[in-house]
Amino acid sequence: MHVGNSASMPALRCPEVPGWTWSEEFHSGEVIQAIVRAAKDHESDLIVMATDGRNEFLDSLRGSHSERVLSHGIAPLLTVPVGELAATSPAYYDRSH
């Protein structure tokens, strides 16, 4: 799911997993409310969000998008680092395989 228009959606490559299907959704409006509403509509068991850690100062004042989504208590939340944050995060798996 992407909140915004289709032209602003980052490139995405979904892995082929037996039994899984992928679809793209575009929503407009306020990001947090759009994510929470979609999670409720889909009766989500898990919310996965990418994070790049770029708004450290603002996040300390208002909470990150992830924290704000999590505060609604809709479903557990998994954050996945992307971009420079992913490159500098500790490796939790062996990337050579």
PDB file of N, CA and C in Angstrom:
ATOM      1  N   MET A   1       0.837  -1.163   0.000  1.00  0.00           N
ATOM      2  CA  MET A   1       0.000   0.000   0.000  1.00  0.00           C
ATOM      3  C   MET A   1       0.891   1.238   0.000  1.00  0.00           C
ATOM      4  N   HIS A   2       0.489   2.217  -0.755  1.00  0.00           N
ATOM      5  CA  HIS A   2       1.201   3.493  -0.813  1.00  0.00           C
ATOM      6  C   HIS A   2       0.185   4.606  -0.640  1.00  0.00           C
ATOM      7  N   VAL A   3       0.505   5.537   0.253  1.00  0.00           N
ATOM      8  CA  VAL A   3      -0.362   6.700   0.424  1.00  0.00           C
ATOM      9  C   VAL A   3       0.237   7.817  -0.409  1.00  0.00           C
ATOM     10  N   GLY A   4      -0.481   8.236  -1.419  1.00  0.00           N
ATOM     11  CA  GLY A   4      -0.013   9.222  -2.383  1.00  0.00           C
ATOM     12  C   GLY A   4      -0.456   8.772  -3.766  1.00  0.00           C
ATOM     13  N   ASN A   5       0.124   9.353  -4.793  1.00  0.00           N
ATOM     14  CA  ASN A   5      -0.260   8.927  -6.136  1.00  0.00           C
ATOM     15  C   ASN A   5       0.703   7.853  -6.648  1.00  0.00           C
ATOM     16  N   SER A   6       0.302   7.146  -7.672  1.00  0.00           N
ATOM     17  CA  SER A   6       1.099   6.018  -8.176  1.00  0.00           C
ATOM     18  C   SER A   6       2.471   6.458  -8.682  1.00  0.00           C
ATOM     19  N   ALA A   7       2.594   7.687  -9.161  1.00  0.00           N
ATOM     20  CA  ALA A   7       3.886   8.169  -9.667  1.00  0.00           C
ATOM     21  C   ALA A   7       4.909   8.350  -8.550  1.00  0.00           C
ATOM     22  N   SER A   8       4.454   8.560  -7.319  1.00  0.00           N
ATOM     23  CA  SER A   8       5.385   8.771  -6.210  1.00  0.00           C
ATOM     24  C   SER A   8       5.718   7.485  -5.456  1.00  0.00           C
ATOM     25  N   MET A   9       5.147   6.357  -5.883  1.00  0.00           N
ATOM     26  CA  MET A   9       5.422   5.095  -5.201  1.00  0.00           C
ATOM     27  C   MET A   9       6.824   4.600  -5.532  1.00  0.00           C
ATOM     28  N   PRO A  10       7.612   4.245  -4.511  1.00  0.00           N
ATOM     29  CA  PRO A  10       8.952   3.711  -4.777  1.00  0.00           C
ATOM     30  C   PRO A  10       8.868   2.379  -5.515  1.00  0.00           C
ATOM     31  N   ALA A  11       9.946   2.024  -6.198  1.00  0.00           N
ATOM     32  CA  ALA A  11       9.997   0.736  -6.895  1.00  0.00           C
ATOM     33  C   ALA A  11       9.861  -0.380  -5.867  1.00  0.00           C
ATOM     34  N   LEU A  12       9.162  -1.416  -6.248  1.00  0.00           N
ATOM     35  CA  LEU A  12       8.896  -2.518  -5.338  1.00  0.00           C
ATOM     36  C   LEU A  12       9.014  -3.830  -6.086  1.00  0.00           C
ATOM     37  N   ARG A  13       9.733  -4.768  -5.493  1.00  0.00           N
ATOM     38  CA  ARG A  13       9.838  -6.106  -6.079  1.00  0.00           C
ATOM     39  C   ARG A  13       9.347  -7.099  -5.038  1.00  0.00           C
ATOM     40  N   CYS A  14       8.246  -7.744  -5.329  1.00  0.00           N
ATOM     41  CA  CYS A  14       7.659  -8.706  -4.396  1.00  0.00           C
ATOM     42  C   CYS A  14       8.174 -10.103  -4.720  1.00  0.00           C
ATOM     43  N   PRO A  15       8.661 -10.824  -3.732  1.00  0.00           N
ATOM     44  CA  PRO A  15       9.175 -12.172  -3.990  1.00  0.00           C
ATOM     45  C   PRO A  15       8.046 -13.138  -4.316  1.00  0.00           C
ATOM     46  N   GLU A  16       8.374 -14.156  -5.074  1.00  0.00           N
ATOM     47  CA  GLU A  16       7.393 -15.199  -5.361  1.00  0.00           C
ATOM     48  C   GLU A  16       7.416 -16.191  -4.210  1.00  0.00           C
ATOM     49  N   VAL A  17       6.283 -16.298  -3.521  1.00  0.00           N
ATOM     50  CA  VAL A  17       6.155 -17.195  -2.383  1.00  0.00           C
ATOM     51  C   VAL A  17       4.921 -18.051  -2.627  1.00  0.00           C
ATOM     52  N   PRO A  18       5.083 -19.376  -2.646  1.00  0.00           N
ATOM     53  CA  PRO A  18       3.922 -20.239  -2.868  1.00  0.00           C
ATOM     54  C   PRO A  18       2.800 -19.942  -1.883  1.00  0.00           C
ATOM     55  N   GLY A  19       1.594 -19.760  -2.416  1.00  0.00           N
ATOM     56  CA  GLY A  19       0.427 -19.502  -1.594  1.00  0.00           C
ATOM     57  C   GLY A  19       0.184 -18.035  -1.267  1.00  0.00           C
ATOM     58  N   TRP A  20       1.115 -17.152  -1.660  1.00  0.00           N
ATOM     59  CA  TRP A  20       0.947 -15.731  -1.395  1.00  0.00           C
ATOM     60  C   TRP A  20       0.539 -15.023  -2.674  1.00  0.00           C
ATOM     61  N   THR A  21      -0.274 -14.005  -2.536  1.00  0.00           N
ATOM     62  CA  THR A  21      -0.598 -13.128  -3.661  1.00  0.00           C
ATOM     63  C   THR A  21      -0.285 -11.691  -3.237  1.00  0.00           C
ATOM     64  N   TRP A  22       0.117 -10.880  -4.185  1.00  0.00           N
ATOM     65  CA  TRP A  22       0.474  -9.498  -3.922  1.00  0.00           C
ATOM     66  C   TRP A  22      -0.442  -8.595  -4.737  1.00  0.00           C
ATOM     67  N   SER A  23      -0.780  -7.465  -4.190  1.00  0.00           N
ATOM     68  CA  SER A  23      -1.526  -6.460  -4.938  1.00  0.00           C
ATOM     69  C   SER A  23      -1.032  -5.087  -4.500  1.00  0.00           C
ATOM     70  N   GLU A  24      -1.202  -4.122  -5.359  1.00  0.00           N
ATOM     71  CA  GLU A  24      -0.825  -2.746  -5.046  1.00  0.00           C
ATOM     72  C   GLU A  24      -2.086  -1.954  -4.755  1.00  0.00           C
ATOM     73  N   GLU A  25      -2.007  -1.108  -3.748  1.00  0.00           N
ATOM     74  CA  GLU A  25      -3.108  -0.213  -3.411  1.00  0.00           C
ATOM     75  C   GLU A  25      -2.554   1.187  -3.262  1.00  0.00           C
ATOM     76  N   PHE A  26      -3.322   2.143  -3.717  1.00  0.00           N
ATOM     77  CA  PHE A  26      -2.966   3.546  -3.561  1.00  0.00           C
ATOM     78  C   PHE A  26      -4.077   4.223  -2.778  1.00  0.00           C
ATOM     79  N   HIS A  27      -3.687   4.950  -1.753  1.00  0.00           N
ATOM     80  CA  HIS A  27      -4.649   5.681  -0.933  1.00  0.00           C
ATOM     81  C   HIS A  27      -4.225   7.137  -0.872  1.00  0.00           C
ATOM     82  N   SER A  28      -5.179   7.990  -0.597  1.00  0.00           N
ATOM     83  CA  SER A  28      -4.864   9.405  -0.419  1.00  0.00           C
ATOM     84  C   SER A  28      -5.250   9.800   0.993  1.00  0.00           C
ATOM     85  N   GLY A  29      -4.835  10.972   1.369  1.00  0.00           N
ATOM     86  CA  GLY A  29      -5.183  11.476   2.693  1.00  0.00           C
ATOM     87  C   GLY A  29      -4.004  11.424   3.638  1.00  0.00           C
ATOM     88  N   GLU A  30      -4.308  11.517   4.915  1.00  0.00           N
ATOM     89  CA  GLU A  30      -3.288  11.520   5.961  1.00  0.00           C
ATOM     90  C   GLU A  30      -2.708  10.114   6.095  1.00  0.00           C
ATOM     91  N   VAL A  31      -1.402  10.000   6.088  1.00  0.00           N
ATOM     92  CA  VAL A  31      -0.700   8.709   6.010  1.00  0.00           C
ATOM     93  C   VAL A  31      -1.104   7.759   7.131  1.00  0.00           C
ATOM     94  N   ILE A  32      -1.025   8.207   8.366  1.00  0.00           N
ATOM     95  CA  ILE A  32      -1.294   7.324   9.504  1.00  0.00           C
ATOM     96  C   ILE A  32      -2.726   6.798   9.444  1.00  0.00           C
ATOM     97  N   GLN A  33      -3.671   7.695   9.228  1.00  0.00           N
ATOM     98  CA  GLN A  33      -5.077   7.276   9.180  1.00  0.00           C
ATOM     99  C   GLN A  33      -5.339   6.328   8.009  1.00  0.00           C
ATOM    100  N   ALA A  34      -4.688   6.555   6.871  1.00  0.00           N
ATOM    101  CA  ALA A  34      -4.872   5.670   5.709  1.00  0.00           C
ATOM    102  C   ALA A  34      -4.347   4.265   6.015  1.00  0.00           C
ATOM    103  N   ILE A  35      -3.198   4.177   6.677  1.00  0.00           N
ATOM    104  CA  ILE A  35      -2.631   2.870   7.020  1.00  0.00           C
ATOM    105  C   ILE A  35      -3.523   2.152   8.027  1.00  0.00           C
ATOM    106  N   VAL A  36      -3.951   2.860   9.062  1.00  0.00           N
ATOM    107  CA  VAL A  36      -4.807   2.263  10.086  1.00  0.00           C
ATOM    108  C   VAL A  36      -6.128   1.795   9.479  1.00  0.00           C
ATOM    109  N   ARG A  37      -6.727   2.622   8.636  1.00  0.00           N
ATOM    110  CA  ARG A  37      -8.000   2.271   7.989  1.00  0.00           C
ATOM    111  C   ARG A  37      -7.828   1.028   7.106  1.00  0.00           C
ATOM    112  N   ALA A  38      -6.741   0.964   6.313  1.00  0.00           N
ATOM    113  CA  ALA A  38      -6.506  -0.197   5.449  1.00  0.00           C
ATOM    114  C   ALA A  38      -6.270  -1.455   6.283  1.00  0.00           C
ATOM    115  N   ALA A  39      -5.531  -1.339   7.381  1.00  0.00           N
ATOM    116  CA  ALA A  39      -5.284  -2.499   8.243  1.00  0.00           C
ATOM    117  C   ALA A  39      -6.590  -3.025   8.827  1.00  0.00           C
ATOM    118  N   LYS A  40      -7.474  -2.116   9.223  1.00  0.00           N
ATOM    119  CA  LYS A  40      -8.785  -2.531   9.734  1.00  0.00           C
ATOM    120  C   LYS A  40      -9.610  -3.174   8.628  1.00  0.00           C
ATOM    121  N   ASP A  41      -9.656  -2.541   7.451  1.00  0.00           N
ATOM    122  CA  ASP A  41     -10.453  -3.054   6.336  1.00  0.00           C
ATOM    123  C   ASP A  41     -10.015  -4.447   5.910  1.00  0.00           C
ATOM    124  N   HIS A  42      -8.701  -4.698   5.962  1.00  0.00           N
ATOM    125  CA  HIS A  42      -8.159  -5.993   5.540  1.00  0.00           C
ATOM    126  C   HIS A  42      -8.050  -6.994   6.696  1.00  0.00           C
ATOM    127  N   GLU A  43      -8.457  -6.559   7.897  1.00  0.00           N
ATOM    128  CA  GLU A  43      -8.327  -7.393   9.092  1.00  0.00           C
ATOM    129  C   GLU A  43      -6.910  -7.956   9.182  1.00  0.00           C
ATOM    130  N   SER A  44      -5.936  -7.072   9.086  1.00  0.00           N
ATOM    131  CA  SER A  44      -4.519  -7.437   9.026  1.00  0.00           C
ATOM    132  C   SER A  44      -4.038  -8.092  10.313  1.00  0.00           C
ATOM    133  N   ASP A  45      -3.219  -9.141  10.140  1.00  0.00           N
ATOM    134  CA  ASP A  45      -2.574  -9.816  11.260  1.00  0.00           C
ATOM    135  C   ASP A  45      -1.216  -9.192  11.564  1.00  0.00           C
ATOM    136  N   LEU A  46      -0.643  -8.477  10.592  1.00  0.00           N
ATOM    137  CA  LEU A  46       0.669  -7.870  10.725  1.00  0.00           C
ATOM    138  C   LEU A  46       0.750  -6.674   9.794  1.00  0.00           C
ATOM    139  N   ILE A  47       1.342  -5.600  10.284  1.00  0.00           N
ATOM    140  CA  ILE A  47       1.613  -4.430   9.453  1.00  0.00           C
ATOM    141  C   ILE A  47       3.122  -4.352   9.280  1.00  0.00           C
ATOM    142  N   VAL A  48       3.577  -4.220   8.043  1.00  0.00           N
ATOM    143  CA  VAL A  48       5.003  -4.094   7.745  1.00  0.00           C
ATOM    144  C   VAL A  48       5.220  -2.725   7.127  1.00  0.00           C
ATOM    145  N   MET A  49       6.165  -1.974   7.711  1.00  0.00           N
ATOM    146  CA  MET A  49       6.450  -0.634   7.214  1.00  0.00           C
ATOM    147  C   MET A  49       7.944  -0.478   6.986  1.00  0.00           C
ATOM    148  N   ALA A  50       8.290   0.177   5.889  1.00  0.00           N
ATOM    149  CA  ALA A  50       9.688   0.529   5.634  1.00  0.00           C
ATOM    150  C   ALA A  50      10.022   1.771   6.458  1.00  0.00           C
ATOM    151  N   THR A  51      11.262   1.853   6.902  1.00  0.00           N
ATOM    152  CA  THR A  51      11.701   3.023   7.641  1.00  0.00           C
ATOM    153  C   THR A  51      13.098   3.423   7.187  1.00  0.00           C
ATOM    154  N   ASP A  52      13.281   4.727   6.994  1.00  0.00           N
ATOM    155  CA  ASP A  52      14.613   5.193   6.592  1.00  0.00           C
ATOM    156  C   ASP A  52      15.267   6.049   7.667  1.00  0.00           C
ATOM    157  N   GLY A  53      14.563   6.274   8.782  1.00  0.00           N
ATOM    158  CA  GLY A  53      15.138   6.992   9.912  1.00  0.00           C
ATOM    159  C   GLY A  53      15.549   8.421   9.615  1.00  0.00           C
ATOM    160  N   ARG A  54      14.917   9.079   8.661  1.00  0.00           N
ATOM    161  CA  ARG A  54      15.399  10.394   8.222  1.00  0.00           C
ATOM    162  C   ARG A  54      14.839  11.570   8.997  1.00  0.00           C
ATOM    163  N   ASN A  55      13.854  11.383   9.833  1.00  0.00           N
ATOM    164  CA  ASN A  55      13.237  12.505  10.539  1.00  0.00           C
ATOM    165  C   ASN A  55      13.488  12.436  12.041  1.00  0.00           C
ATOM    166  N   GLU A  56      14.715  12.200  12.431  1.00  0.00           N
ATOM    167  CA  GLU A  56      15.012  11.962  13.841  1.00  0.00           C
ATOM    168  C   GLU A  56      14.510  13.086  14.749  1.00  0.00           C
ATOM    169  N   PHE A  57      14.741  14.349  14.392  1.00  0.00           N
ATOM    170  CA  PHE A  57      14.317  15.454  15.245  1.00  0.00           C
ATOM    171  C   PHE A  57      12.790  15.512  15.352  1.00  0.00           C
ATOM    172  N   LEU A  58      12.101  15.498  14.206  1.00  0.00           N
ATOM    173  CA  LEU A  58      10.641  15.565  14.234  1.00  0.00           C
ATOM    174  C   LEU A  58      10.046  14.341  14.902  1.00  0.00           C
ATOM    175  N   ASP A  59      10.639  13.171  14.650  1.00  0.00           N
ATOM    176  CA  ASP A  59      10.128  11.953  15.261  1.00  0.00           C
ATOM    177  C   ASP A  59      10.226  12.010  16.781  1.00  0.00           C
ATOM    178  N   SER A  60      11.268  12.653  17.293  1.00  0.00           N
ATOM    179  CA  SER A  60      11.415  12.761  18.747  1.00  0.00           C
ATOM    180  C   SER A  60      10.318  13.637  19.351  1.00  0.00           C
ATOM    181  N   LEU A  61       9.778  14.555  18.565  1.00  0.00           N
ATOM    182  CA  LEU A  61       8.716  15.435  19.056  1.00  0.00           C
ATOM    183  C   LEU A  61       7.332  14.811  18.924  1.00  0.00           C
ATOM    184  N   ARG A  62       7.052  14.203  17.795  1.00  0.00           N
ATOM    185  CA  ARG A  62       5.682  13.723  17.542  1.00  0.00           C
ATOM    186  C   ARG A  62       5.575  12.219  17.438  1.00  0.00           C
ATOM    187  N   GLY A  63       6.704  11.506  17.366  1.00  0.00           N
ATOM    188  CA  GLY A  63       6.687  10.065  17.155  1.00  0.00           C
ATOM    189  C   GLY A  63       6.803   9.772  15.681  1.00  0.00           C
ATOM    190  N   SER A  64       7.465   8.699  15.344  1.00  0.00           N
ATOM    191  CA  SER A  64       7.622   8.331  13.936  1.00  0.00           C
ATOM    192  C   SER A  64       6.290   7.830  13.386  1.00  0.00           C
ATOM    193  N   HIS A  65       6.223   7.706  12.069  1.00  0.00           N
ATOM    194  CA  HIS A  65       5.020   7.120  11.463  1.00  0.00           C
ATOM    195  C   HIS A  65       4.766   5.746  12.057  1.00  0.00           C
ATOM    196  N   SER A  66       5.821   4.956  12.192  1.00  0.00           N
ATOM    197  CA  SER A  66       5.665   3.601  12.734  1.00  0.00           C
ATOM    198  C   SER A  66       5.098   3.636  14.145  1.00  0.00           C
ATOM    199  N   GLU A  67       5.642   4.495  14.988  1.00  0.00           N
ATOM    200  CA  GLU A  67       5.148   4.602  16.365  1.00  0.00           C
ATOM    201  C   GLU A  67       3.693   5.038  16.394  1.00  0.00           C
ATOM    202  N   ARG A  68       3.348   5.950  15.514  1.00  0.00           N
ATOM    203  CA  ARG A  68       1.972   6.452  15.493  1.00  0.00           C
ATOM    204  C   ARG A  68       1.004   5.390  14.995  1.00  0.00           C
ATOM    205  N   VAL A  69       1.413   4.574  14.018  1.00  0.00           N
ATOM    206  CA  VAL A  69       0.558   3.466  13.562  1.00  0.00           C
ATOM    207  C   VAL A  69       0.419   2.437  14.684  1.00  0.00           C
ATOM    208  N   LEU A  70       1.532   2.091  15.303  1.00  0.00           N
ATOM    209  CA  LEU A  70       1.527   1.093  16.374  1.00  0.00           C
ATOM    210  C   LEU A  70       0.634   1.519  17.533  1.00  0.00           C
ATOM    211  N   SER A  71       0.593   2.811  17.824  1.00  0.00           N
ATOM    212  CA  SER A  71      -0.207   3.296  18.956  1.00  0.00           C
ATOM    213  C   SER A  71      -1.700   3.022  18.786  1.00  0.00           C
ATOM    214  N   HIS A  72      -2.147   2.753  17.561  1.00  0.00           N
ATOM    215  CA  HIS A  72      -3.555   2.443  17.326  1.00  0.00           C
ATOM    216  C   HIS A  72      -3.906   1.007  17.713  1.00  0.00           C
ATOM    217  N   GLY A  73      -2.911   0.154  17.898  1.00  0.00           N
ATOM    218  CA  GLY A  73      -3.138  -1.198  18.378  1.00  0.00           C
ATOM    219  C   GLY A  73      -3.909  -2.102  17.431  1.00  0.00           C
ATOM    220  N   ILE A  74      -3.833  -1.839  16.146  1.00  0.00           N
ATOM    221  CA  ILE A  74      -4.581  -2.630  15.168  1.00  0.00           C
ATOM    222  C   ILE A  74      -3.973  -4.022  14.999  1.00  0.00           C
ATOM    223  N   ALA A  75      -2.641  -4.080  14.891  1.00  0.00           N
ATOM    224  CA  ALA A  75      -1.932  -5.342  14.647  1.00  0.00           C
ATOM    225  C   ALA A  75      -0.464  -5.133  15.024  1.00  0.00           C
ATOM    226  N   PRO A  76       0.267  -6.228  15.230  1.00  0.00           N
ATOM    227  CA  PRO A  76       1.715  -6.079  15.451  1.00  0.00           C
ATOM    228  C   PRO A  76       2.354  -5.375  14.258  1.00  0.00           C
ATOM    229  N   LEU A  77       3.484  -4.729  14.501  1.00  0.00           N
ATOM    230  CA  LEU A  77       4.146  -3.946  13.470  1.00  0.00           C
ATOM    231  C   LEU A  77       5.589  -4.407  13.313  1.00  0.00           C
ATOM    232  N   LEU A  78       5.999  -4.640  12.080  1.00  0.00           N
ATOM    233  CA  LEU A  78       7.374  -4.977  11.732  1.00  0.00           C
ATOM    234  C   LEU A  78       7.917  -3.834  10.894  1.00  0.00           C
ATOM    235  N   THR A  79       9.024  -3.228  11.328  1.00  0.00           N
ATOM    236  CA  THR A  79       9.650  -2.177  10.530  1.00  0.00           C
ATOM    237  C   THR A  79      10.883  -2.755   9.849  1.00  0.00           C
ATOM    238  N   VAL A  80      11.055  -2.377   8.592  1.00  0.00           N
ATOM    239  CA  VAL A  80      12.163  -2.867   7.772  1.00  0.00           C
ATOM    240  C   VAL A  80      12.994  -1.665   7.341  1.00  0.00           C
ATOM    241  N   PRO A  81      14.273  -1.630   7.738  1.00  0.00           N
ATOM    242  CA  PRO A  81      15.105  -0.497   7.329  1.00  0.00           C
ATOM    243  C   PRO A  81      15.370  -0.520   5.828  1.00  0.00           C
ATOM    244  N   VAL A  82      15.390   0.667   5.219  1.00  0.00           N
ATOM    245  CA  VAL A  82      15.666   0.787   3.786  1.00  0.00           C
ATOM    246  C   VAL A  82      16.696   1.883   3.566  1.00  0.00           C
ATOM    247  N   GLY A  83      17.256   1.924   2.379  1.00  0.00           N
ATOM    248  CA  GLY A  83      18.187   2.980   2.004  1.00  0.00           C
ATOM    249  C   GLY A  83      19.427   2.975   2.865  1.00  0.00           C
ATOM    250  N   GLU A  84      19.886   4.164   3.222  1.00  0.00           N
ATOM    251  CA  GLU A  84      21.115   4.308   4.003  1.00  0.00           C
ATOM    252  C   GLU A  84      20.991   3.656   5.374  1.00  0.00           C
ATOM    253  N   LEU A  85      19.807   3.707   5.966  1.00  0.00           N
ATOM    254  CA  LEU A  85      19.606   3.071   7.269  1.00  0.00           C
ATOM    255  C   LEU A  85      19.845   1.571   7.183  1.00  0.00           C
ATOM    256  N   ALA A  86      19.390   0.942   6.101  1.00  0.00           N
ATOM    257  CA  ALA A  86      19.610  -0.497   5.927  1.00  0.00           C
ATOM    258  C   ALA A  86      21.092  -0.798   5.752  1.00  0.00           C
ATOM    259  N   ALA A  87      21.796   0.076   5.048  1.00  0.00           N
ATOM    260  CA  ALA A  87      23.223  -0.145   4.800  1.00  0.00           C
ATOM    261  C   ALA A  87      24.049  -0.015   6.068  1.00  0.00           C
ATOM    262  N   THR A  88      23.567   0.786   7.034  1.00  0.00           N
ATOM    263  CA  THR A  88      24.341   1.005   8.253  1.00  0.00           C
ATOM    264  C   THR A  88      23.820   0.211   9.444  1.00  0.00           C
ATOM    265  N   SER A  89      22.691  -0.495   9.272  1.00  0.00           N
ATOM    266  CA  SER A  89      22.137  -1.301  10.358  1.00  0.00           C
ATOM    267  C   SER A  89      22.940  -2.580  10.521  1.00  0.00           C
ATOM    268  N   PRO A  90      23.022  -3.089  11.752  1.00  0.00           N
ATOM    269  CA  PRO A  90      23.727  -4.353  11.951  1.00  0.00           C
ATOM    270  C   PRO A  90      23.078  -5.471  11.143  1.00  0.00           C
ATOM    271  N   ALA A  91      23.873  -6.340  10.602  1.00  0.00           N
ATOM    272  CA  ALA A  91      23.349  -7.472   9.816  1.00  0.00           C
ATOM    273  C   ALA A  91      22.850  -8.540  10.771  1.00  0.00           C
ATOM    274  N   TYR A  92      21.618  -8.948  10.588  1.00  0.00           N
ATOM    275  CA  TYR A  92      21.039 -10.008  11.424  1.00  0.00           C
ATOM    276  C   TYR A  92      21.003 -11.329  10.679  1.00  0.00           C
ATOM    277  N   TYR A  93      21.480 -11.355   9.461  1.00  0.00           N
ATOM    278  CA  TYR A  93      21.537 -12.581   8.682  1.00  0.00           C
ATOM    279  C   TYR A  93      22.729 -12.507   7.765  1.00  0.00           C
ATOM    280  N   ASP A  94      23.127 -13.639   7.258  1.00  0.00           N
ATOM    281  CA  ASP A  94      24.271 -13.716   6.376  1.00  0.00           C
ATOM    282  C   ASP A  94      23.828 -13.343   4.959  1.00  0.00           C
ATOM    283  N   ARG A  95      24.282 -12.199   4.446  1.00  0.00           N
ATOM    284  CA  ARG A  95      23.862 -11.711   3.128  1.00  0.00           C
ATOM    285  C   ARG A  95      24.545 -12.431   1.986  1.00  0.00           C
ATOM    286  N   SER A  96      25.503 -13.311   2.271  1.00  0.00           N
ATOM    287  CA  SER A  96      26.232 -13.978   1.194  1.00  0.00           C
ATOM    288  C   SER A  96      25.446 -15.117   0.563  1.00  0.00           C
ATOM    289  N   HIS A  97      24.320 -15.489   1.157  1.00  0.00           N
ATOM    290  CA  HIS A  97      23.524 -16.613   0.610  1.00  0.00           C
ATOM    291  C   HIS A  97      22.397 -16.133  -0.235  1.00  0.00           C
TER     292      HIS A  97
END
